[in-house]
Amino acid sequence: MIQSHLMMDFLKPSKLDLTSVIRCHNTISAYALYLLVGNALLRQEDLSVVRMADGERLLHLWCRGGALFLSESWLRTEGLLEITREQVLERMNRASASCTYFAPSLCGVYSRDFDVYPLPDRERYVDFFFNQVWSEQLKIQLFETAKHVLFINRSPNMAEKMRKNAAHWGVKLTHLQLSDWREAEGVVEKAKAVDAPLVLFSAGPASKWIGPAIAQAGNKVALDVGGAAPLWTIPTLGPKS
């Protein structure tokens, strides 16, 4: 999985075929997505974004019988221990099919190792790197608009850091821990009872479907922030607006 927050590390000038050019034309920019997210928050409409990249591509190959070695440590980190190939495939397909906006890695435009655009084919996509491109000020504006944010991930320590920083802006933060694919259904049910209109989740490949499920159940905005979750703790606090 890509963990760096510097998208420039992974993009490079490349000769693109016609399919790749069309994909670029049909990818909504990170900033246009920001406006769509803000609109959904203010109108109390559901919106969900699911991101996928090289890790999900490897899992799709594995699910279809590919002879890939997936280490126990990697499976544990991704919350995939003791899951079947059929379960992984069904859950990833559910996530990519049910989200409002699917965000495949832009690196897939020129690199087969990252190409998850066909999972599924859509007329429009959104920029995979939105979670890293948006500035802290833009994130703070979303927090202040929402007034209450639900954060779903495996790390109570990260959630506590986010809670303290969000409080600086007068924003409430609720955390639900999700470490394993077997916890996903329970997290969705708990999330339905939380009145936060903005949901940030880092759920692992087999649990990304929770974003669309939570958004649709309660007119929420659910954003897959993935490995960039630390950037959403808003670590650099400037003067309060």
C-alpha atoms as a PDB file:
ATOM      1  CA  MET A   1       0.000   0.000   0.000  1.00  0.00           C
ATOM      2  CA  ILE A   2       1.169   3.555  -0.677  1.00  0.00           C
ATOM      3  CA  GLN A   3       1.832   5.285   2.634  1.00  0.00           C
ATOM      4  CA  SER A   4       3.732   8.438   1.599  1.00  0.00           C
ATOM      5  CA  HIS A   5       1.784  11.673   1.629  1.00  0.00           C
ATOM      6  CA  LEU A   6       3.873  13.042  -1.240  1.00  0.00           C
ATOM      7  CA  MET A   7       2.013  12.009  -4.343  1.00  0.00           C
ATOM      8  CA  MET A   8       4.821  13.459  -6.459  1.00  0.00           C
ATOM      9  CA  ASP A   9       6.925  10.463  -5.430  1.00  0.00           C
ATOM     10  CA  PHE A  10       4.700   8.201  -7.513  1.00  0.00           C
ATOM     11  CA  LEU A  11       3.673  10.250 -10.554  1.00  0.00           C
ATOM     12  CA  LYS A  12       5.971  10.696 -13.525  1.00  0.00           C
ATOM     13  CA  PRO A  13       5.775  11.818 -17.162  1.00  0.00           C
ATOM     14  CA  SER A  14       4.681   8.847 -19.251  1.00  0.00           C
ATOM     15  CA  LYS A  15       3.479   8.093 -22.756  1.00  0.00           C
ATOM     16  CA  LEU A  16      -0.202   7.271 -22.302  1.00  0.00           C
ATOM     17  CA  ASP A  17      -2.383   5.121 -24.496  1.00  0.00           C
ATOM     18  CA  LEU A  18      -5.900   6.259 -25.419  1.00  0.00           C
ATOM     19  CA  THR A  19      -7.507   4.404 -22.499  1.00  0.00           C
ATOM     20  CA  SER A  20      -5.183   6.122 -20.037  1.00  0.00           C
ATOM     21  CA  VAL A  21      -5.858   9.547 -21.540  1.00  0.00           C
ATOM     22  CA  ILE A  22      -9.600   8.953 -21.227  1.00  0.00           C
ATOM     23  CA  ARG A  23      -9.153   7.906 -17.595  1.00  0.00           C
ATOM     24  CA  CYS A  24      -7.324  11.164 -16.870  1.00  0.00           C
ATOM     25  CA  HIS A  25     -10.064  13.175 -18.580  1.00  0.00           C
ATOM     26  CA  ASN A  26     -12.681  11.403 -16.489  1.00  0.00           C
ATOM     27  CA  THR A  27     -11.009  11.829 -13.088  1.00  0.00           C
ATOM     28  CA  ILE A  28     -12.485  14.569 -10.909  1.00  0.00           C
ATOM     29  CA  SER A  29      -9.755  16.652  -9.281  1.00  0.00           C
ATOM     30  CA  ALA A  30      -9.072  16.621  -5.553  1.00  0.00           C
ATOM     31  CA  TYR A  31     -10.311  20.197  -5.208  1.00  0.00           C
ATOM     32  CA  ALA A  32     -13.477  19.633  -7.207  1.00  0.00           C
ATOM     33  CA  LEU A  33     -14.151  16.656  -4.923  1.00  0.00           C
ATOM     34  CA  TYR A  34     -13.658  18.957  -1.929  1.00  0.00           C
ATOM     35  CA  LEU A  35     -16.469  21.177  -3.178  1.00  0.00           C
ATOM     36  CA  LEU A  36     -18.718  18.145  -3.692  1.00  0.00           C
ATOM     37  CA  VAL A  37     -17.958  16.934  -0.167  1.00  0.00           C
ATOM     38  CA  GLY A  38     -18.690  20.344   1.319  1.00  0.00           C
ATOM     39  CA  ASN A  39     -21.939  20.552  -0.631  1.00  0.00           C
ATOM     40  CA  ALA A  40     -23.056  17.138   0.637  1.00  0.00           C
ATOM     41  CA  LEU A  41     -22.258  18.112   4.235  1.00  0.00           C
ATOM     42  CA  LEU A  42     -24.224  21.350   4.028  1.00  0.00           C
ATOM     43  CA  ARG A  43     -27.179  19.728   2.275  1.00  0.00           C
ATOM     44  CA  GLN A  44     -27.106  16.704   4.617  1.00  0.00           C
ATOM     45  CA  GLU A  45     -26.793  14.314   1.686  1.00  0.00           C
ATOM     46  CA  ASP A  46     -24.973  11.004   1.675  1.00  0.00           C
ATOM     47  CA  LEU A  47     -21.665  10.784  -0.151  1.00  0.00           C
ATOM     48  CA  SER A  48     -18.938   8.169   0.062  1.00  0.00           C
ATOM     49  CA  VAL A  49     -15.470   7.781  -1.422  1.00  0.00           C
ATOM     50  CA  VAL A  50     -13.580   4.487  -1.593  1.00  0.00           C
ATOM     51  CA  ARG A  51      -9.911   4.403  -2.582  1.00  0.00           C
ATOM     52  CA  MET A  52      -8.022   1.411  -3.998  1.00  0.00           C
ATOM     53  CA  ALA A  53      -4.451   0.898  -5.205  1.00  0.00           C
ATOM     54  CA  ASP A  54      -1.720  -1.742  -5.488  1.00  0.00           C
ATOM     55  CA  GLY A  55      -2.752  -3.664  -2.368  1.00  0.00           C
ATOM     56  CA  GLU A  56      -6.271  -4.196  -3.637  1.00  0.00           C
ATOM     57  CA  ARG A  57      -4.930  -5.191  -7.051  1.00  0.00           C
ATOM     58  CA  LEU A  58      -2.762  -7.882  -5.456  1.00  0.00           C
ATOM     59  CA  LEU A  59      -5.728  -9.115  -3.452  1.00  0.00           C
ATOM     60  CA  HIS A  60      -7.890  -9.345  -6.576  1.00  0.00           C
ATOM     61  CA  LEU A  61      -5.190 -11.480  -8.217  1.00  0.00           C
ATOM     62  CA  TRP A  62      -4.989 -13.629  -5.068  1.00  0.00           C
ATOM     63  CA  CYS A  63      -8.754 -14.002  -4.914  1.00  0.00           C
ATOM     64  CA  ARG A  64      -8.788 -15.286  -8.463  1.00  0.00           C
ATOM     65  CA  GLY A  65      -6.271 -18.000  -7.664  1.00  0.00           C
ATOM     66  CA  GLY A  66      -3.017 -16.143  -8.128  1.00  0.00           C
ATOM     67  CA  ALA A  67      -0.003 -17.849  -6.534  1.00  0.00           C
ATOM     68  CA  LEU A  68       0.892 -14.902  -4.312  1.00  0.00           C
ATOM     69  CA  PHE A  69       2.530 -15.017  -0.913  1.00  0.00           C
ATOM     70  CA  LEU A  70       0.734 -12.785   1.564  1.00  0.00           C
ATOM     71  CA  SER A  71       2.666 -12.682   4.822  1.00  0.00           C
ATOM     72  CA  GLU A  72       0.890 -13.097   8.144  1.00  0.00           C
ATOM     73  CA  SER A  73       2.189  -9.721   9.319  1.00  0.00           C
ATOM     74  CA  TRP A  74       0.747  -7.976   6.236  1.00  0.00           C
ATOM     75  CA  LEU A  75      -2.572  -9.788   6.596  1.00  0.00           C
ATOM     76  CA  ARG A  76      -2.737  -8.789  10.251  1.00  0.00           C
ATOM     77  CA  THR A  77      -1.948  -5.156   9.469  1.00  0.00           C
ATOM     78  CA  GLU A  78      -4.685  -5.096   6.842  1.00  0.00           C
ATOM     79  CA  GLY A  79      -7.197  -6.853   9.107  1.00  0.00           C
ATOM     80  CA  LEU A  80      -7.374  -9.934   6.882  1.00  0.00           C
ATOM     81  CA  LEU A  81      -6.397 -12.849   9.091  1.00  0.00           C
ATOM     82  CA  GLU A  82      -8.535 -15.980   8.586  1.00  0.00           C
ATOM     83  CA  ILE A  83     -10.615 -14.549   5.763  1.00  0.00           C
ATOM     84  CA  THR A  84     -11.342 -16.577   2.619  1.00  0.00           C
ATOM     85  CA  ARG A  85     -10.576 -15.425  -0.892  1.00  0.00           C
ATOM     86  CA  GLU A  86     -14.289 -15.424  -1.670  1.00  0.00           C
ATOM     87  CA  GLN A  87     -15.023 -13.154   1.289  1.00  0.00           C
ATOM     88  CA  VAL A  88     -12.272 -10.698   0.335  1.00  0.00           C
ATOM     89  CA  LEU A  89     -13.496 -10.477  -3.261  1.00  0.00           C
ATOM     90  CA  GLU A  90     -17.144 -10.023  -2.314  1.00  0.00           C
ATOM     91  CA  ARG A  91     -16.352  -7.290   0.208  1.00  0.00           C
ATOM     92  CA  MET A  92     -14.015  -5.363  -2.082  1.00  0.00           C
ATOM     93  CA  ASN A  93     -16.529  -5.566  -4.933  1.00  0.00           C
ATOM     94  CA  ARG A  94     -19.278  -4.367  -2.594  1.00  0.00           C
ATOM     95  CA  ALA A  95     -17.190  -1.363  -1.603  1.00  0.00           C
ATOM     96  CA  SER A  96     -16.252  -0.284  -5.124  1.00  0.00           C
ATOM     97  CA  ALA A  97     -19.757  -0.831  -6.506  1.00  0.00           C
ATOM     98  CA  SER A  98     -21.722   0.901  -3.735  1.00  0.00           C
ATOM     99  CA  CYS A  99     -19.652   4.046  -3.130  1.00  0.00           C
ATOM    100  CA  THR A 100     -20.682   7.379  -4.611  1.00  0.00           C
ATOM    101  CA  TYR A 101     -17.192   8.001  -5.940  1.00  0.00           C
ATOM    102  CA  PHE A 102     -14.551   5.381  -6.667  1.00  0.00           C
ATOM    103  CA  ALA A 103     -10.939   6.571  -6.404  1.00  0.00           C
ATOM    104  CA  PRO A 104      -8.470   4.219  -8.106  1.00  0.00           C
ATOM    105  CA  SER A 105      -4.789   5.079  -7.833  1.00  0.00           C
ATOM    106  CA  LEU A 106      -3.751   7.507 -10.559  1.00  0.00           C
ATOM    107  CA  CYS A 107      -0.537   5.505 -10.817  1.00  0.00           C
ATOM    108  CA  GLY A 108      -2.681   2.848 -12.505  1.00  0.00           C
ATOM    109  CA  VAL A 109      -2.880   5.135 -15.536  1.00  0.00           C
ATOM    110  CA  TYR A 110       0.687   4.171 -16.453  1.00  0.00           C
ATOM    111  CA  SER A 111       1.570   1.197 -14.205  1.00  0.00           C
ATOM    112  CA  ARG A 112      -0.167  -2.183 -14.310  1.00  0.00           C
ATOM    113  CA  ASP A 113       0.950  -2.830 -10.725  1.00  0.00           C
ATOM    114  CA  PHE A 114      -1.482  -0.132  -9.569  1.00  0.00           C
ATOM    115  CA  ASP A 115      -4.260  -0.516 -12.142  1.00  0.00           C
ATOM    116  CA  VAL A 116      -7.573  -0.963 -10.366  1.00  0.00           C
ATOM    117  CA  TYR A 117      -9.613   1.257 -12.695  1.00  0.00           C
ATOM    118  CA  PRO A 118     -11.723  -1.695 -13.936  1.00  0.00           C
ATOM    119  CA  LEU A 119     -12.854  -2.464 -10.342  1.00  0.00           C
ATOM    120  CA  PRO A 120     -15.414  -1.322 -11.449  1.00  0.00           C
ATOM    121  CA  ASP A 121     -15.444   0.629 -14.720  1.00  0.00           C
ATOM    122  CA  ARG A 122     -17.211   3.957 -14.254  1.00  0.00           C
ATOM    123  CA  GLU A 123     -17.873   7.055 -16.317  1.00  0.00           C
ATOM    124  CA  ARG A 124     -16.240   9.235 -13.658  1.00  0.00           C
ATOM    125  CA  TYR A 125     -13.594   8.687 -10.982  1.00  0.00           C
ATOM    126  CA  VAL A 126     -12.069  10.950  -8.331  1.00  0.00           C
ATOM    127  CA  ASP A 127      -8.450  11.711  -7.532  1.00  0.00           C
ATOM    128  CA  PHE A 128      -7.022   8.955  -5.331  1.00  0.00           C
ATOM    129  CA  PHE A 129      -4.663  11.433  -3.672  1.00  0.00           C
ATOM    130  CA  PHE A 130      -7.351  13.778  -2.340  1.00  0.00           C
ATOM    131  CA  ASN A 131      -6.658  12.558   1.202  1.00  0.00           C
ATOM    132  CA  GLN A 132      -3.087  13.814   0.919  1.00  0.00           C
ATOM    133  CA  VAL A 133      -3.599  16.871  -1.300  1.00  0.00           C
ATOM    134  CA  TRP A 134      -6.111  18.733   0.855  1.00  0.00           C
ATOM    135  CA  SER A 135      -4.367  21.209   3.126  1.00  0.00           C
ATOM    136  CA  GLU A 136      -4.827  21.337   6.878  1.00  0.00           C
ATOM    137  CA  GLN A 137      -6.908  24.494   6.446  1.00  0.00           C
ATOM    138  CA  LEU A 138      -9.278  22.700   4.080  1.00  0.00           C
ATOM    139  CA  LYS A 139      -9.587  19.820   6.535  1.00  0.00           C
ATOM    140  CA  ILE A 140     -10.250  22.195   9.407  1.00  0.00           C
ATOM    141  CA  GLN A 141     -13.011  23.842   7.366  1.00  0.00           C
ATOM    142  CA  LEU A 142     -14.647  20.448   6.849  1.00  0.00           C
ATOM    143  CA  PHE A 143     -14.355  19.693  10.561  1.00  0.00           C
ATOM    144  CA  GLU A 144     -15.914  23.028  11.477  1.00  0.00           C
ATOM    145  CA  THR A 145     -18.709  22.523   8.956  1.00  0.00           C
ATOM    146  CA  ALA A 146     -19.479  19.068  10.325  1.00  0.00           C
ATOM    147  CA  LYS A 147     -19.094  20.052  14.022  1.00  0.00           C
ATOM    148  CA  HIS A 148     -18.909  16.329  14.865  1.00  0.00           C
ATOM    149  CA  VAL A 149     -16.581  13.842  13.156  1.00  0.00           C
ATOM    150  CA  LEU A 150     -16.626  10.064  13.400  1.00  0.00           C
ATOM    151  CA  PHE A 151     -13.172   8.496  12.996  1.00  0.00           C
ATOM    152  CA  ILE A 152     -12.951   4.757  12.302  1.00  0.00           C
ATOM    153  CA  ASN A 153      -9.560   3.045  12.430  1.00  0.00           C
ATOM    154  CA  ARG A 154      -7.429   0.678  14.497  1.00  0.00           C
ATOM    155  CA  SER A 155      -5.498   3.204  16.605  1.00  0.00           C
ATOM    156  CA  PRO A 156      -6.958   4.650  19.831  1.00  0.00           C
ATOM    157  CA  ASN A 157      -3.792   6.744  20.243  1.00  0.00           C
ATOM    158  CA  MET A 158      -4.234   8.379  16.843  1.00  0.00           C
ATOM    159  CA  ALA A 159      -7.917   8.957  17.592  1.00  0.00           C
ATOM    160  CA  GLU A 160      -7.052  10.637  20.886  1.00  0.00           C
ATOM    161  CA  LYS A 161      -4.632  12.956  19.121  1.00  0.00           C
ATOM    162  CA  MET A 162      -7.311  13.828  16.581  1.00  0.00           C
ATOM    163  CA  ARG A 163      -9.869  14.356  19.356  1.00  0.00           C
ATOM    164  CA  LYS A 164      -7.641  16.849  21.185  1.00  0.00           C
ATOM    165  CA  ASN A 165      -6.811  18.769  18.025  1.00  0.00           C
ATOM    166  CA  ALA A 166     -10.427  18.806  16.850  1.00  0.00           C
ATOM    167  CA  ALA A 167     -11.499  20.197  20.249  1.00  0.00           C
ATOM    168  CA  HIS A 168      -9.222  23.173  19.569  1.00  0.00           C
ATOM    169  CA  TRP A 169     -11.630  24.073  16.762  1.00  0.00           C
ATOM    170  CA  GLY A 170     -14.754  23.351  18.782  1.00  0.00           C
ATOM    171  CA  VAL A 171     -15.333  20.058  16.980  1.00  0.00           C
ATOM    172  CA  LYS A 172     -16.435  16.819  18.651  1.00  0.00           C
ATOM    173  CA  LEU A 173     -14.619  13.617  17.700  1.00  0.00           C
ATOM    174  CA  THR A 174     -16.011  10.118  18.187  1.00  0.00           C
ATOM    175  CA  HIS A 175     -13.806   7.070  17.590  1.00  0.00           C
ATOM    176  CA  LEU A 176     -14.820   3.535  16.687  1.00  0.00           C
ATOM    177  CA  GLN A 177     -12.019   0.984  16.605  1.00  0.00           C
ATOM    178  CA  LEU A 178     -11.795  -1.350  13.624  1.00  0.00           C
ATOM    179  CA  SER A 179      -8.852  -3.743  13.513  1.00  0.00           C
ATOM    180  CA  ASP A 180     -10.244  -6.802  11.755  1.00  0.00           C
ATOM    181  CA  TRP A 181     -12.681  -7.626   8.959  1.00  0.00           C
ATOM    182  CA  ARG A 182     -14.898  -9.522  11.422  1.00  0.00           C
ATOM    183  CA  GLU A 183     -15.583  -6.290  13.321  1.00  0.00           C
ATOM    184  CA  ALA A 184     -16.962  -4.420  10.309  1.00  0.00           C
ATOM    185  CA  GLU A 185     -20.654  -5.267  10.687  1.00  0.00           C
ATOM    186  CA  GLY A 186     -20.631  -4.265  14.346  1.00  0.00           C
ATOM    187  CA  VAL A 187     -18.900  -0.974  13.542  1.00  0.00           C
ATOM    188  CA  VAL A 188     -21.547  -0.132  10.954  1.00  0.00           C
ATOM    189  CA  GLU A 189     -24.306  -0.688  13.499  1.00  0.00           C
ATOM    190  CA  LYS A 190     -22.532   1.459  16.089  1.00  0.00           C
ATOM    191  CA  ALA A 191     -21.885   4.185  13.509  1.00  0.00           C
ATOM    192  CA  LYS A 192     -25.596   4.453  12.751  1.00  0.00           C
ATOM    193  CA  ALA A 193     -26.143   5.665  16.320  1.00  0.00           C
ATOM    194  CA  VAL A 194     -23.487   8.410  16.048  1.00  0.00           C
ATOM    195  CA  ASP A 195     -24.844  11.764  14.874  1.00  0.00           C
ATOM    196  CA  ALA A 196     -21.597  12.858  13.180  1.00  0.00           C
ATOM    197  CA  PRO A 197     -22.243  13.975   9.584  1.00  0.00           C
ATOM    198  CA  LEU A 198     -18.586  13.477   8.574  1.00  0.00           C
ATOM    199  CA  VAL A 199     -16.993  10.021   8.755  1.00  0.00           C
ATOM    200  CA  LEU A 200     -13.285   9.359   8.183  1.00  0.00           C
ATOM    201  CA  PHE A 201     -12.310   5.722   7.911  1.00  0.00           C
ATOM    202  CA  SER A 202      -9.201   3.581   7.482  1.00  0.00           C
ATOM    203  CA  ALA A 203     -10.749   0.163   7.223  1.00  0.00           C
ATOM    204  CA  GLY A 204      -8.470  -2.170   5.271  1.00  0.00           C
ATOM    205  CA  PRO A 205      -9.313  -3.741   1.901  1.00  0.00           C
ATOM    206  CA  ALA A 206     -12.048  -6.096   3.115  1.00  0.00           C
ATOM    207  CA  SER A 207     -13.847  -3.483   5.206  1.00  0.00           C
ATOM    208  CA  LYS A 208     -13.961  -0.467   2.897  1.00  0.00           C
ATOM    209  CA  TRP A 209     -17.604  -1.278   2.216  1.00  0.00           C
ATOM    210  CA  ILE A 210     -18.473   0.222   5.605  1.00  0.00           C
ATOM    211  CA  GLY A 211     -18.070   3.752   4.198  1.00  0.00           C
ATOM    212  CA  PRO A 212     -20.912   3.540   1.672  1.00  0.00           C
ATOM    213  CA  ALA A 213     -23.036   1.543   4.135  1.00  0.00           C
ATOM    214  CA  ILE A 214     -22.689   4.172   6.873  1.00  0.00           C
ATOM    215  CA  ALA A 215     -23.177   7.096   4.488  1.00  0.00           C
ATOM    216  CA  GLN A 216     -26.336   5.669   2.944  1.00  0.00           C
ATOM    217  CA  ALA A 217     -27.830   4.741   6.295  1.00  0.00           C
ATOM    218  CA  GLY A 218     -27.641   8.222   7.761  1.00  0.00           C
ATOM    219  CA  ASN A 219     -27.097  10.902   5.089  1.00  0.00           C
ATOM    220  CA  LYS A 220     -23.440  11.127   6.072  1.00  0.00           C
ATOM    221  CA  VAL A 221     -20.265  11.908   4.168  1.00  0.00           C
ATOM    222  CA  ALA A 222     -17.797   9.023   4.494  1.00  0.00           C
ATOM    223  CA  LEU A 223     -14.235   9.440   3.231  1.00  0.00           C
ATOM    224  CA  ASP A 224     -11.672   6.656   2.899  1.00  0.00           C
ATOM    225  CA  VAL A 225      -8.508   8.354   4.199  1.00  0.00           C
ATOM    226  CA  GLY A 226      -6.492   5.122   4.308  1.00  0.00           C
ATOM    227  CA  GLY A 227      -2.834   5.273   5.272  1.00  0.00           C
ATOM    228  CA  ALA A 228      -2.930   9.078   5.283  1.00  0.00           C
ATOM    229  CA  ALA A 229      -5.045   9.059   8.466  1.00  0.00           C
ATOM    230  CA  PRO A 230      -2.213  10.656  10.520  1.00  0.00           C
ATOM    231  CA  LEU A 231      -2.462  13.731   8.279  1.00  0.00           C
ATOM    232  CA  TRP A 232      -6.098  14.095   9.355  1.00  0.00           C
ATOM    233  CA  THR A 233      -5.177  14.530  13.000  1.00  0.00           C
ATOM    234  CA  ILE A 234      -4.396  18.121  11.925  1.00  0.00           C
ATOM    235  CA  PRO A 235      -1.035  18.097  13.747  1.00  0.00           C
ATOM    236  CA  THR A 236      -0.116  21.723  13.029  1.00  0.00           C
ATOM    237  CA  LEU A 237      -2.506  24.046  14.816  1.00  0.00           C
ATOM    238  CA  GLY A 238      -2.479  27.654  13.716  1.00  0.00           C
ATOM    239  CA  PRO A 239      -4.612  30.518  15.029  1.00  0.00           C
ATOM    240  CA  LYS A 240      -8.260  29.621  15.388  1.00  0.00           C
ATOM    241  CA  SER A 241     -10.310  31.062  12.546  1.00  0.00           C
END
